[in-house]
PDB file of N, CA and C in Angstrom:
ATOM      1  N   UNK A   1       8.822 -13.841 -14.430  1.00  0.00           N
ATOM      2  CA  UNK A   1       7.612 -13.876 -13.630  1.00  0.00           C
ATOM      3  C   UNK A   1       6.419 -14.009 -14.581  1.00  0.00           C
ATOM      4  N   UNK A   2       5.755 -15.127 -14.615  1.00  0.00           N
ATOM      5  CA  UNK A   2       4.612 -15.305 -15.526  1.00  0.00           C
ATOM      6  C   UNK A   2       3.560 -14.208 -15.354  1.00  0.00           C
ATOM      7  N   UNK A   3       3.080 -13.692 -16.468  1.00  0.00           N
ATOM      8  CA  UNK A   3       2.071 -12.639 -16.440  1.00  0.00           C
ATOM      9  C   UNK A   3       2.646 -11.238 -16.439  1.00  0.00           C
ATOM     10  N   UNK A   4       3.989 -11.132 -16.345  1.00  0.00           N
ATOM     11  CA  UNK A   4       4.661  -9.832 -16.380  1.00  0.00           C
ATOM     12  C   UNK A   4       5.918  -9.961 -17.240  1.00  0.00           C
ATOM     13  N   UNK A   5       6.525  -8.840 -17.625  1.00  0.00           N
ATOM     14  CA  UNK A   5       7.785  -8.902 -18.364  1.00  0.00           C
ATOM     15  C   UNK A   5       9.010  -8.975 -17.444  1.00  0.00           C
ATOM     16  N   UNK A   6       8.806  -9.050 -16.141  1.00  0.00           N
ATOM     17  CA  UNK A   6       9.897  -8.997 -15.169  1.00  0.00           C
ATOM     18  C   UNK A   6      10.308 -10.385 -14.695  1.00  0.00           C
ATOM     19  N   UNK A   7      11.505 -10.464 -14.114  1.00  0.00           N
ATOM     20  CA  UNK A   7      11.976 -11.732 -13.576  1.00  0.00           C
ATOM     21  C   UNK A   7      12.110 -11.736 -12.054  1.00  0.00           C
ATOM     22  N   UNK A   8      11.735 -10.655 -11.387  1.00  0.00           N
ATOM     23  CA  UNK A   8      11.775 -10.645  -9.923  1.00  0.00           C
ATOM     24  C   UNK A   8      10.618 -11.489  -9.383  1.00  0.00           C
ATOM     25  N   UNK A   9      10.762 -11.986  -8.175  1.00  0.00           N
ATOM     26  CA  UNK A   9       9.704 -12.806  -7.566  1.00  0.00           C
ATOM     27  C   UNK A   9       9.032 -12.113  -6.390  1.00  0.00           C
ATOM     28  N   UNK A  10       9.491 -10.901  -6.073  1.00  0.00           N
ATOM     29  CA  UNK A  10       8.934 -10.138  -4.949  1.00  0.00           C
ATOM     30  C   UNK A  10       9.141  -8.659  -5.241  1.00  0.00           C
ATOM     31  N   UNK A  11       8.109  -7.834  -5.094  1.00  0.00           N
ATOM     32  CA  UNK A  11       8.265  -6.397  -5.288  1.00  0.00           C
ATOM     33  C   UNK A  11       7.315  -5.841  -6.325  1.00  0.00           C
ATOM     34  N   UNK A  12       7.821  -4.914  -7.144  1.00  0.00           N
ATOM     35  CA  UNK A  12       6.999  -4.251  -8.160  1.00  0.00           C
ATOM     36  C   UNK A  12       7.675  -4.348  -9.519  1.00  0.00           C
ATOM     37  N   UNK A  13       6.856  -4.508 -10.546  1.00  0.00           N
ATOM     38  CA  UNK A  13       7.302  -4.594 -11.938  1.00  0.00           C
ATOM     39  C   UNK A  13       6.621  -3.472 -12.717  1.00  0.00           C
ATOM     40  N   UNK A  14       7.389  -2.794 -13.572  1.00  0.00           N
ATOM     41  CA  UNK A  14       6.855  -1.717 -14.412  1.00  0.00           C
ATOM     42  C   UNK A  14       7.288  -1.971 -15.851  1.00  0.00           C
ATOM     43  N   UNK A  15       6.328  -1.907 -16.787  1.00  0.00           N
ATOM     44  CA  UNK A  15       6.659  -1.955 -18.220  1.00  0.00           C
ATOM     45  C   UNK A  15       6.302  -0.600 -18.812  1.00  0.00           C
ATOM     46  N   UNK A  16       7.327   0.147 -19.210  1.00  0.00           N
ATOM     47  CA  UNK A  16       7.134   1.505 -19.718  1.00  0.00           C
ATOM     48  C   UNK A  16       6.396   1.530 -21.053  1.00  0.00           C
ATOM     49  N   UNK A  17       6.676   0.584 -21.945  1.00  0.00           N
ATOM     50  CA  UNK A  17       6.115   0.621 -23.300  1.00  0.00           C
ATOM     51  C   UNK A  17       4.601   0.465 -23.332  1.00  0.00           C
ATOM     52  N   UNK A  18       4.036  -0.191 -22.316  1.00  0.00           N
ATOM     53  CA  UNK A  18       2.583  -0.398 -22.280  1.00  0.00           C
ATOM     54  C   UNK A  18       1.915   0.347 -21.123  1.00  0.00           C
ATOM     55  N   UNK A  19       2.698   1.119 -20.373  1.00  0.00           N
ATOM     56  CA  UNK A  19       2.159   1.880 -19.236  1.00  0.00           C
ATOM     57  C   UNK A  19       1.395   0.980 -18.269  1.00  0.00           C
ATOM     58  N   UNK A  20       2.086  -0.081 -17.805  1.00  0.00           N
ATOM     59  CA  UNK A  20       1.486  -1.030 -16.873  1.00  0.00           C
ATOM     60  C   UNK A  20       2.443  -1.326 -15.728  1.00  0.00           C
ATOM     61  N   UNK A  21       1.858  -1.709 -14.594  1.00  0.00           N
ATOM     62  CA  UNK A  21       2.657  -2.130 -13.448  1.00  0.00           C
ATOM     63  C   UNK A  21       1.918  -3.211 -12.673  1.00  0.00           C
ATOM     64  N   UNK A  22       2.698  -4.016 -11.942  1.00  0.00           N
ATOM     65  CA  UNK A  22       2.177  -5.122 -11.145  1.00  0.00           C
ATOM     66  C   UNK A  22       2.888  -5.152  -9.803  1.00  0.00           C
ATOM     67  N   UNK A  23       2.211  -5.657  -8.783  1.00  0.00           N
ATOM     68  CA  UNK A  23       2.862  -6.062  -7.544  1.00  0.00           C
ATOM     69  C   UNK A  23       3.018  -7.574  -7.598  1.00  0.00           C
ATOM     70  N   UNK A  24       4.154  -8.045  -7.113  1.00  0.00           N
ATOM     71  CA  UNK A  24       4.475  -9.467  -7.147  1.00  0.00           C
ATOM     72  C   UNK A  24       4.813  -9.915  -5.733  1.00  0.00           C
ATOM     73  N   UNK A  25       4.230 -11.031  -5.324  1.00  0.00           N
ATOM     74  CA  UNK A  25       4.492 -11.584  -3.997  1.00  0.00           C
ATOM     75  C   UNK A  25       4.632 -13.099  -4.106  1.00  0.00           C
ATOM     76  N   UNK A  26       5.679 -13.620  -3.509  1.00  0.00           N
ATOM     77  CA  UNK A  26       5.922 -15.067  -3.496  1.00  0.00           C
ATOM     78  C   UNK A  26       5.863 -15.674  -4.897  1.00  0.00           C
ATOM     79  N   UNK A  27       6.414 -14.954  -5.866  1.00  0.00           N
ATOM     80  CA  UNK A  27       6.495 -15.466  -7.227  1.00  0.00           C
ATOM     81  C   UNK A  27       5.219 -15.402  -8.038  1.00  0.00           C
ATOM     82  N   UNK A  28       4.213 -14.684  -7.533  1.00  0.00           N
ATOM     83  CA  UNK A  28       2.932 -14.574  -8.245  1.00  0.00           C
ATOM     84  C   UNK A  28       2.481 -13.116  -8.291  1.00  0.00           C
ATOM     85  N   UNK A  29       1.711 -12.788  -9.325  1.00  0.00           N
ATOM     86  CA  UNK A  29       1.117 -11.450  -9.389  1.00  0.00           C
ATOM     87  C   UNK A  29       0.091 -11.342  -8.267  1.00  0.00           C
ATOM     88  N   UNK A  30       0.262 -10.348  -7.409  1.00  0.00           N
ATOM     89  CA  UNK A  30      -0.687 -10.144  -6.307  1.00  0.00           C
ATOM     90  C   UNK A  30      -1.614  -8.960  -6.559  1.00  0.00           C
ATOM     91  N   UNK A  31      -1.263  -8.108  -7.539  1.00  0.00           N
ATOM     92  CA  UNK A  31      -2.078  -6.930  -7.836  1.00  0.00           C
ATOM     93  C   UNK A  31      -1.675  -6.435  -9.218  1.00  0.00           C
ATOM     94  N   UNK A  32      -2.668  -6.136 -10.045  1.00  0.00           N
ATOM     95  CA  UNK A  32      -2.386  -5.584 -11.353  1.00  0.00           C
ATOM     96  C   UNK A  32      -2.666  -6.569 -12.467  1.00  0.00           C
ATOM     97  N   UNK A  33      -2.474  -6.121 -13.698  1.00  0.00           N
ATOM     98  CA  UNK A  33      -1.783  -4.885 -14.038  1.00  0.00           C
ATOM     99  C   UNK A  33      -2.641  -3.647 -13.783  1.00  0.00           C
ATOM    100  N   UNK A  34      -1.960  -2.558 -13.450  1.00  0.00           N
ATOM    101  CA  UNK A  34      -2.627  -1.268 -13.278  1.00  0.00           C
ATOM    102  C   UNK A  34      -2.017  -0.282 -14.276  1.00  0.00           C
ATOM    103  N   UNK A  35      -2.811   0.702 -14.731  1.00  0.00           N
ATOM    104  CA  UNK A  35      -2.284   1.698 -15.666  1.00  0.00           C
ATOM    105  C   UNK A  35      -1.318   2.657 -14.976  1.00  0.00           C
ATOM    106  N   UNK A  36      -0.335   3.117 -15.748  1.00  0.00           N
ATOM    107  CA  UNK A  36       0.669   4.052 -15.241  1.00  0.00           C
ATOM    108  C   UNK A  36       0.962   5.114 -16.296  1.00  0.00           C
ATOM    109  N   UNK A  37       1.639   6.162 -15.882  1.00  0.00           N
ATOM    110  CA  UNK A  37       2.380   7.027 -16.799  1.00  0.00           C
ATOM    111  C   UNK A  37       3.778   7.156 -16.217  1.00  0.00           C
ATOM    112  N   UNK A  38       4.722   7.517 -17.077  1.00  0.00           N
ATOM    113  CA  UNK A  38       6.119   7.580 -16.646  1.00  0.00           C
ATOM    114  C   UNK A  38       6.766   8.847 -17.193  1.00  0.00           C
ATOM    115  N   UNK A  39       8.086   8.887 -17.153  1.00  0.00           N
ATOM    116  CA  UNK A  39       8.826  10.096 -17.489  1.00  0.00           C
ATOM    117  C   UNK A  39       8.734  10.534 -18.938  1.00  0.00           C
ATOM    118  N   UNK A  40       8.536  11.824 -19.107  1.00  0.00           N
ATOM    119  CA  UNK A  40       8.485  12.433 -20.443  1.00  0.00           C
ATOM    120  C   UNK A  40       9.902  12.542 -21.018  1.00  0.00           C
ATOM    121  N   UNK A  41      10.017  12.845 -22.308  1.00  0.00           N
ATOM    122  CA  UNK A  41      11.349  13.005 -22.902  1.00  0.00           C
ATOM    123  C   UNK A  41      12.194  14.006 -22.102  1.00  0.00           C
ATOM    124  N   UNK A  42      13.410  13.603 -21.830  1.00  0.00           N
ATOM    125  CA  UNK A  42      14.307  14.416 -21.017  1.00  0.00           C
ATOM    126  C   UNK A  42      14.231  14.088 -19.538  1.00  0.00           C
ATOM    127  N   UNK A  43      13.198  13.365 -19.135  1.00  0.00           N
ATOM    128  CA  UNK A  43      12.999  12.964 -17.735  1.00  0.00           C
ATOM    129  C   UNK A  43      12.628  11.476 -17.676  1.00  0.00           C
ATOM    130  N   UNK A  44      13.250  10.675 -18.508  1.00  0.00           N
ATOM    131  CA  UNK A  44      12.878   9.268 -18.625  1.00  0.00           C
ATOM    132  C   UNK A  44      13.040   8.526 -17.297  1.00  0.00           C
ATOM    133  N   UNK A  45      12.092   7.645 -17.020  1.00  0.00           N
ATOM    134  CA  UNK A  45      12.184   6.759 -15.863  1.00  0.00           C
ATOM    135  C   UNK A  45      13.293   5.747 -16.144  1.00  0.00           C
ATOM    136  N   UNK A  46      14.254   5.582 -15.219  1.00  0.00           N
ATOM    137  CA  UNK A  46      15.375   4.683 -15.499  1.00  0.00           C
ATOM    138  C   UNK A  46      14.982   3.206 -15.496  1.00  0.00           C
ATOM    139  N   UNK A  47      15.374   2.520 -16.559  1.00  0.00           N
ATOM    140  CA  UNK A  47      15.158   1.081 -16.689  1.00  0.00           C
ATOM    141  C   UNK A  47      16.192   0.364 -15.822  1.00  0.00           C
ATOM    142  N   UNK A  48      15.788  -0.764 -15.241  1.00  0.00           N
ATOM    143  CA  UNK A  48      16.733  -1.572 -14.478  1.00  0.00           C
ATOM    144  C   UNK A  48      16.135  -2.070 -13.181  1.00  0.00           C
ATOM    145  N   UNK A  49      17.027  -2.564 -12.330  1.00  0.00           N
ATOM    146  CA  UNK A  49      16.643  -3.086 -11.017  1.00  0.00           C
ATOM    147  C   UNK A  49      16.911  -2.020  -9.974  1.00  0.00           C
ATOM    148  N   UNK A  50      15.921  -1.753  -9.152  1.00  0.00           N
ATOM    149  CA  UNK A  50      16.014  -0.749  -8.100  1.00  0.00           C
ATOM    150  C   UNK A  50      15.462  -1.361  -6.814  1.00  0.00           C
ATOM    151  N   UNK A  51      15.542  -0.607  -5.732  1.00  0.00           N
ATOM    152  CA  UNK A  51      14.960  -1.041  -4.455  1.00  0.00           C
ATOM    153  C   UNK A  51      14.177   0.108  -3.851  1.00  0.00           C
ATOM    154  N   UNK A  52      13.123  -0.223  -3.110  1.00  0.00           N
ATOM    155  CA  UNK A  52      12.386   0.807  -2.376  1.00  0.00           C
ATOM    156  C   UNK A  52      13.339   1.402  -1.345  1.00  0.00           C
ATOM    157  N   UNK A  53      13.495   2.725  -1.384  1.00  0.00           N
ATOM    158  CA  UNK A  53      14.443   3.425  -0.518  1.00  0.00           C
ATOM    159  C   UNK A  53      13.781   4.079   0.684  1.00  0.00           C
ATOM    160  N   UNK A  54      12.637   4.735   0.457  1.00  0.00           N
ATOM    161  CA  UNK A  54      11.879   5.356   1.539  1.00  0.00           C
ATOM    162  C   UNK A  54      10.473   5.632   1.048  1.00  0.00           C
ATOM    163  N   UNK A  55       9.589   5.947   2.001  1.00  0.00           N
ATOM    164  CA  UNK A  55       8.177   6.193   1.680  1.00  0.00           C
ATOM    165  C   UNK A  55       7.690   7.403   2.472  1.00  0.00           C
ATOM    166  N   UNK A  56       6.832   8.208   1.833  1.00  0.00           N
ATOM    167  CA  UNK A  56       6.220   9.372   2.483  1.00  0.00           C
ATOM    168  C   UNK A  56       4.757   9.401   2.057  1.00  0.00           C
ATOM    169  N   UNK A  57       3.849   9.357   3.028  1.00  0.00           N
ATOM    170  CA  UNK A  57       2.425   9.255   2.689  1.00  0.00           C
ATOM    171  C   UNK A  57       1.904  10.464   1.918  1.00  0.00           C
ATOM    172  N   UNK A  58       2.351  11.662   2.260  1.00  0.00           N
ATOM    173  CA  UNK A  58       1.976  12.853   1.485  1.00  0.00           C
ATOM    174  C   UNK A  58       3.214  13.724   1.338  1.00  0.00           C
ATOM    175  N   UNK A  59       3.848  13.624   0.192  1.00  0.00           N
ATOM    176  CA  UNK A  59       5.052  14.405  -0.074  1.00  0.00           C
ATOM    177  C   UNK A  59       4.725  15.480  -1.105  1.00  0.00           C
ATOM    178  N   UNK A  60       5.682  16.375  -1.316  1.00  0.00           N
ATOM    179  CA  UNK A  60       5.527  17.475  -2.270  1.00  0.00           C
ATOM    180  C   UNK A  60       6.779  17.564  -3.127  1.00  0.00           C
ATOM    181  N   UNK A  61       6.615  17.861  -4.397  1.00  0.00           N
ATOM    182  CA  UNK A  61       7.748  18.004  -5.304  1.00  0.00           C
ATOM    183  C   UNK A  61       8.329  19.403  -5.179  1.00  0.00           C
ATOM    184  N   UNK A  62       9.439  19.502  -4.481  1.00  0.00           N
ATOM    185  CA  UNK A  62      10.080  20.803  -4.294  1.00  0.00           C
ATOM    186  C   UNK A  62      10.662  21.335  -5.604  1.00  0.00           C
ATOM    187  N   UNK A  63      10.988  20.428  -6.528  1.00  0.00           N
ATOM    188  CA  UNK A  63      11.565  20.835  -7.812  1.00  0.00           C
ATOM    189  C   UNK A  63      10.521  21.256  -8.841  1.00  0.00           C
ATOM    190  N   UNK A  64       9.268  20.869  -8.631  1.00  0.00           N
ATOM    191  CA  UNK A  64       8.236  21.117  -9.640  1.00  0.00           C
ATOM    192  C   UNK A  64       6.999  21.751  -9.017  1.00  0.00           C
ATOM    193  N   UNK A  65       7.167  22.931  -8.427  1.00  0.00           N
ATOM    194  CA  UNK A  65       6.055  23.747  -7.968  1.00  0.00           C
ATOM    195  C   UNK A  65       5.301  23.238  -6.762  1.00  0.00           C
ATOM    196  N   UNK A  66       5.954  22.439  -5.932  1.00  0.00           N
ATOM    197  CA  UNK A  66       5.325  21.906  -4.713  1.00  0.00           C
ATOM    198  C   UNK A  66       4.076  21.082  -5.027  1.00  0.00           C
ATOM    199  N   UNK A  67       4.088  20.413  -6.174  1.00  0.00           N
ATOM    200  CA  UNK A  67       2.966  19.536  -6.540  1.00  0.00           C
ATOM    201  C   UNK A  67       2.831  18.423  -5.506  1.00  0.00           C
ATOM    202  N   UNK A  68       1.588  18.109  -5.130  1.00  0.00           N
ATOM    203  CA  UNK A  68       1.343  17.018  -4.185  1.00  0.00           C
ATOM    204  C   UNK A  68       1.719  15.683  -4.814  1.00  0.00           C
ATOM    205  N   UNK A  69       2.294  14.818  -3.987  1.00  0.00           N
ATOM    206  CA  UNK A  69       2.675  13.470  -4.415  1.00  0.00           C
ATOM    207  C   UNK A  69       2.174  12.476  -3.367  1.00  0.00           C
ATOM    208  N   UNK A  70       0.854  12.214  -3.337  1.00  0.00           N
ATOM    209  CA  UNK A  70       0.319  11.289  -2.337  1.00  0.00           C
ATOM    210  C   UNK A  70       0.857   9.871  -2.524  1.00  0.00           C
ATOM    211  N   UNK A  71       1.076   9.204  -1.408  1.00  0.00           N
ATOM    212  CA  UNK A  71       1.516   7.797  -1.381  1.00  0.00           C
ATOM    213  C   UNK A  71       2.826   7.593  -2.139  1.00  0.00           C
ATOM    214  N   UNK A  72       3.823   8.403  -1.832  1.00  0.00           N
ATOM    215  CA  UNK A  72       5.116   8.310  -2.513  1.00  0.00           C
ATOM    216  C   UNK A  72       5.935   7.139  -1.989  1.00  0.00           C
ATOM    217  N   UNK A  73       6.331   6.268  -2.910  1.00  0.00           N
ATOM    218  CA  UNK A  73       7.193   5.128  -2.610  1.00  0.00           C
ATOM    219  C   UNK A  73       8.425   5.285  -3.498  1.00  0.00           C
ATOM    220  N   UNK A  74       9.519   5.792  -2.914  1.00  0.00           N
ATOM    221  CA  UNK A  74      10.724   6.140  -3.673  1.00  0.00           C
ATOM    222  C   UNK A  74      11.576   4.912  -3.959  1.00  0.00           C
ATOM    223  N   UNK A  75      12.053   4.815  -5.213  1.00  0.00           N
ATOM    224  CA  UNK A  75      12.897   3.681  -5.576  1.00  0.00           C
ATOM    225  C   UNK A  75      14.151   4.068  -6.353  1.00  0.00           C
ATOM    226  N   UNK A  76      14.370   5.352  -6.618  1.00  0.00           N
ATOM    227  CA  UNK A  76      15.615   5.852  -7.204  1.00  0.00           C
ATOM    228  C   UNK A  76      16.036   7.052  -6.370  1.00  0.00           C
ATOM    229  N   UNK A  77      17.316   7.119  -6.030  1.00  0.00           N
ATOM    230  CA  UNK A  77      17.819   8.112  -5.089  1.00  0.00           C
ATOM    231  C   UNK A  77      17.622   9.561  -5.464  1.00  0.00           C
ATOM    232  N   UNK A  78      17.428   9.869  -6.749  1.00  0.00           N
ATOM    233  CA  UNK A  78      17.238  11.268  -7.135  1.00  0.00           C
ATOM    234  C   UNK A  78      15.778  11.709  -7.056  1.00  0.00           C
ATOM    235  N   UNK A  79      14.940  10.923  -6.378  1.00  0.00           N
ATOM    236  CA  UNK A  79      13.568  11.349  -6.125  1.00  0.00           C
ATOM    237  C   UNK A  79      12.506  10.709  -6.987  1.00  0.00           C
ATOM    238  N   UNK A  80      12.816   9.636  -7.676  1.00  0.00           N
ATOM    239  CA  UNK A  80      11.814   8.965  -8.511  1.00  0.00           C
ATOM    240  C   UNK A  80      11.039   7.972  -7.664  1.00  0.00           C
ATOM    241  N   UNK A  81       9.703   8.046  -7.796  1.00  0.00           N
ATOM    242  CA  UNK A  81       8.823   7.262  -6.926  1.00  0.00           C
ATOM    243  C   UNK A  81       7.577   6.816  -7.676  1.00  0.00           C
ATOM    244  N   UNK A  82       6.912   5.820  -7.111  1.00  0.00           N
ATOM    245  CA  UNK A  82       5.511   5.566  -7.427  1.00  0.00           C
ATOM    246  C   UNK A  82       4.723   6.583  -6.615  1.00  0.00           C
ATOM    247  N   UNK A  83       3.713   7.219  -7.191  1.00  0.00           N
ATOM    248  CA  UNK A  83       2.807   8.057  -6.400  1.00  0.00           C
ATOM    249  C   UNK A  83       1.543   8.328  -7.202  1.00  0.00           C
ATOM    250  N   UNK A  84       0.525   8.791  -6.501  1.00  0.00           N
ATOM    251  CA  UNK A  84      -0.709   9.166  -7.191  1.00  0.00           C
ATOM    252  C   UNK A  84      -0.416  10.318  -8.135  1.00  0.00           C
ATOM    253  N   UNK A  85      -0.910  10.208  -9.364  1.00  0.00           N
ATOM    254  CA  UNK A  85      -0.690  11.272 -10.328  1.00  0.00           C
ATOM    255  C   UNK A  85      -1.515  11.042 -11.581  1.00  0.00           C
ATOM    256  N   UNK A  86      -1.401  11.965 -12.496  1.00  0.00           N
ATOM    257  CA  UNK A  86      -2.156  11.924 -13.750  1.00  0.00           C
ATOM    258  C   UNK A  86      -1.830  10.668 -14.553  1.00  0.00           C
ATOM    259  N   UNK A  87      -2.866  10.041 -15.076  1.00  0.00           N
ATOM    260  CA  UNK A  87      -2.668   8.896 -15.963  1.00  0.00           C
ATOM    261  C   UNK A  87      -2.696   9.309 -17.432  1.00  0.00           C
ATOM    262  N   UNK A  88      -2.723  10.627 -17.681  1.00  0.00           N
ATOM    263  CA  UNK A  88      -2.656  11.126 -19.055  1.00  0.00           C
ATOM    264  C   UNK A  88      -1.415  11.981 -19.287  1.00  0.00           C
ATOM    265  N   UNK A  89      -0.949  12.699 -18.279  1.00  0.00           N
ATOM    266  CA  UNK A  89       0.236  13.554 -18.422  1.00  0.00           C
ATOM    267  C   UNK A  89       1.480  12.800 -17.974  1.00  0.00           C
ATOM    268  N   UNK A  90       2.524  12.828 -18.807  1.00  0.00           N
ATOM    269  CA  UNK A  90       3.779  12.188 -18.429  1.00  0.00           C
ATOM    270  C   UNK A  90       4.426  12.947 -17.270  1.00  0.00           C
ATOM    271  N   UNK A  91       5.284  12.245 -16.541  1.00  0.00           N
ATOM    272  CA  UNK A  91       5.887  12.787 -15.323  1.00  0.00           C
ATOM    273  C   UNK A  91       7.295  13.322 -15.589  1.00  0.00           C
ATOM    274  N   UNK A  92       7.962  13.697 -14.502  1.00  0.00           N
ATOM    275  CA  UNK A  92       9.375  14.079 -14.541  1.00  0.00           C
ATOM    276  C   UNK A  92      10.232  12.896 -14.102  1.00  0.00           C
ATOM    277  N   UNK A  93       9.770  11.686 -14.386  1.00  0.00           N
ATOM    278  CA  UNK A  93      10.519  10.472 -14.075  1.00  0.00           C
ATOM    279  C   UNK A  93       9.789   9.509 -13.167  1.00  0.00           C
ATOM    280  N   UNK A  94       8.839  10.017 -12.390  1.00  0.00           N
ATOM    281  CA  UNK A  94       8.085   9.155 -11.475  1.00  0.00           C
ATOM    282  C   UNK A  94       7.104   8.263 -12.234  1.00  0.00           C
ATOM    283  N   UNK A  95       6.621   7.247 -11.533  1.00  0.00           N
ATOM    284  CA  UNK A  95       5.563   6.390 -12.056  1.00  0.00           C
ATOM    285  C   UNK A  95       4.256   6.843 -11.426  1.00  0.00           C
ATOM    286  N   UNK A  96       3.384   7.434 -12.233  1.00  0.00           N
ATOM    287  CA  UNK A  96       2.068   7.868 -11.754  1.00  0.00           C
ATOM    288  C   UNK A  96       1.114   6.684 -11.716  1.00  0.00           C
ATOM    289  N   UNK A  97       0.324   6.632 -10.664  1.00  0.00           N
ATOM    290  CA  UNK A  97      -0.696   5.604 -10.475  1.00  0.00           C
ATOM    291  C   UNK A  97      -2.001   6.272 -10.081  1.00  0.00           C
ATOM    292  N   UNK A  98      -3.123   5.600 -10.320  1.00  0.00           N
ATOM    293  CA  UNK A  98      -4.409   6.061  -9.789  1.00  0.00           C
ATOM    294  C   UNK A  98      -4.339   6.007  -8.261  1.00  0.00           C
ATOM    295  N   UNK A  99      -5.218   6.751  -7.599  1.00  0.00           N
ATOM    296  CA  UNK A  99      -5.187   6.851  -6.139  1.00  0.00           C
ATOM    297  C   UNK A  99      -5.207   5.480  -5.459  1.00  0.00           C
ATOM    298  N   UNK A 100      -6.137   4.614  -5.858  1.00  0.00           N
ATOM    299  CA  UNK A 100      -6.253   3.295  -5.222  1.00  0.00           C
ATOM    300  C   UNK A 100      -4.967   2.486  -5.391  1.00  0.00           C
ATOM    301  N   UNK A 101      -4.407   2.503  -6.591  1.00  0.00           N
ATOM    302  CA  UNK A 101      -3.173   1.756  -6.849  1.00  0.00           C
ATOM    303  C   UNK A 101      -1.998   2.351  -6.076  1.00  0.00           C
ATOM    304  N   UNK A 102      -1.896   3.676  -6.040  1.00  0.00           N
ATOM    305  CA  UNK A 102      -0.803   4.317  -5.297  1.00  0.00           C
ATOM    306  C   UNK A 102      -0.862   3.946  -3.821  1.00  0.00           C
ATOM    307  N   UNK A 103      -2.067   3.942  -3.251  1.00  0.00           N
ATOM    308  CA  UNK A 103      -2.227   3.557  -1.844  1.00  0.00           C
ATOM    309  C   UNK A 103      -1.841   2.095  -1.642  1.00  0.00           C
ATOM    310  N   UNK A 104      -2.242   1.231  -2.560  1.00  0.00           N
ATOM    311  CA  UNK A 104      -1.905  -0.197  -2.465  1.00  0.00           C
ATOM    312  C   UNK A 104      -0.390  -0.394  -2.520  1.00  0.00           C
ATOM    313  N   UNK A 105       0.285   0.260  -3.459  1.00  0.00           N
ATOM    314  CA  UNK A 105       1.741   0.142  -3.558  1.00  0.00           C
ATOM    315  C   UNK A 105       2.385   0.661  -2.275  1.00  0.00           C
ATOM    316  N   UNK A 106       1.921   1.813  -1.792  1.00  0.00           N
ATOM    317  CA  UNK A 106       2.494   2.419  -0.589  1.00  0.00           C
ATOM    318  C   UNK A 106       2.370   1.484   0.612  1.00  0.00           C
ATOM    319  N   UNK A 107       1.206   0.884   0.783  1.00  0.00           N
ATOM    320  CA  UNK A 107       0.965   0.040   1.956  1.00  0.00           C
ATOM    321  C   UNK A 107       1.525  -1.377   1.801  1.00  0.00           C
ATOM    322  N   UNK A 108       1.800  -1.810   0.579  1.00  0.00           N
ATOM    323  CA  UNK A 108       2.305  -3.167   0.347  1.00  0.00           C
ATOM    324  C   UNK A 108       3.826  -3.222   0.294  1.00  0.00           C
ATOM    325  N   UNK A 109       4.441  -2.327  -0.454  1.00  0.00           N
ATOM    326  CA  UNK A 109       5.893  -2.360  -0.622  1.00  0.00           C
ATOM    327  C   UNK A 109       6.597  -1.903   0.650  1.00  0.00           C
ATOM    328  N   UNK A 110       7.711  -2.567   0.944  1.00  0.00           N
ATOM    329  CA  UNK A 110       8.515  -2.233   2.119  1.00  0.00           C
ATOM    330  C   UNK A 110       9.878  -1.719   1.657  1.00  0.00           C
ATOM    331  N   UNK A 111      10.512  -0.922   2.495  1.00  0.00           N
ATOM    332  CA  UNK A 111      11.869  -0.473   2.197  1.00  0.00           C
ATOM    333  C   UNK A 111      12.733  -1.711   1.966  1.00  0.00           C
ATOM    334  N   UNK A 112      13.471  -1.701   0.864  1.00  0.00           N
ATOM    335  CA  UNK A 112      14.314  -2.831   0.492  1.00  0.00           C
ATOM    336  C   UNK A 112      13.707  -3.729  -0.563  1.00  0.00           C
ATOM    337  N   UNK A 113      12.388  -3.663  -0.764  1.00  0.00           N
ATOM    338  CA  UNK A 113      11.742  -4.484  -1.794  1.00  0.00           C
ATOM    339  C   UNK A 113      12.253  -4.087  -3.179  1.00  0.00           C
ATOM    340  N   UNK A 114      12.281  -5.048  -4.083  1.00  0.00           N
ATOM    341  CA  UNK A 114      12.757  -4.805  -5.436  1.00  0.00           C
ATOM    342  C   UNK A 114      11.715  -4.101  -6.298  1.00  0.00           C
ATOM    343  N   UNK A 115      12.216  -3.262  -7.201  1.00  0.00           N
ATOM    344  CA  UNK A 115      11.409  -2.643  -8.253  1.00  0.00           C
ATOM    345  C   UNK A 115      12.176  -2.875  -9.554  1.00  0.00           C
ATOM    346  N   UNK A 116      11.543  -3.550 -10.498  1.00  0.00           N
ATOM    347  CA  UNK A 116      12.164  -3.764 -11.804  1.00  0.00           C
ATOM    348  C   UNK A 116      11.393  -2.959 -12.836  1.00  0.00           C
ATOM    349  N   UNK A 117      12.118  -2.126 -13.578  1.00  0.00           N
ATOM    350  CA  UNK A 117      11.529  -1.306 -14.641  1.00  0.00           C
ATOM    351  C   UNK A 117      12.097  -1.802 -15.965  1.00  0.00           C
ATOM    352  N   UNK A 118      11.197  -2.190 -16.884  1.00  0.00           N
ATOM    353  CA  UNK A 118      11.616  -2.640 -18.214  1.00  0.00           C
ATOM    354  C   UNK A 118      11.024  -1.708 -19.266  1.00  0.00           C
ATOM    355  N   UNK A 119      11.706  -1.667 -20.405  1.00  0.00           N
ATOM    356  CA  UNK A 119      11.238  -0.803 -21.486  1.00  0.00           C
ATOM    357  C   UNK A 119       9.932  -1.335 -22.034  1.00  0.00           C
TER     358      UNK A 119
END
């Protein structure tokens, strides 16, 4: 996909090494790049091809102190999602986005859409 490190033509692309993400539609970048943070050591965000599994507009992390997770778009079955979060603190595997970007991803991505995560 020109302009990204991914080869999908529809969905979301994440590059962990540069803390960037894009939305892709009809083979073109439709949004981004936007800044991200990802999983800290021991909680690495999994590289590979995934699909959007479910979405929750305001979810809470039951495993990590009931932290708010606005605009959660889940793409790995063990609870890894795009959501609004700190752009300075690493996560427990999720992809943190600024509020505007998290809302855009939540409202744009559909269940079944591809998510490609590259190192």
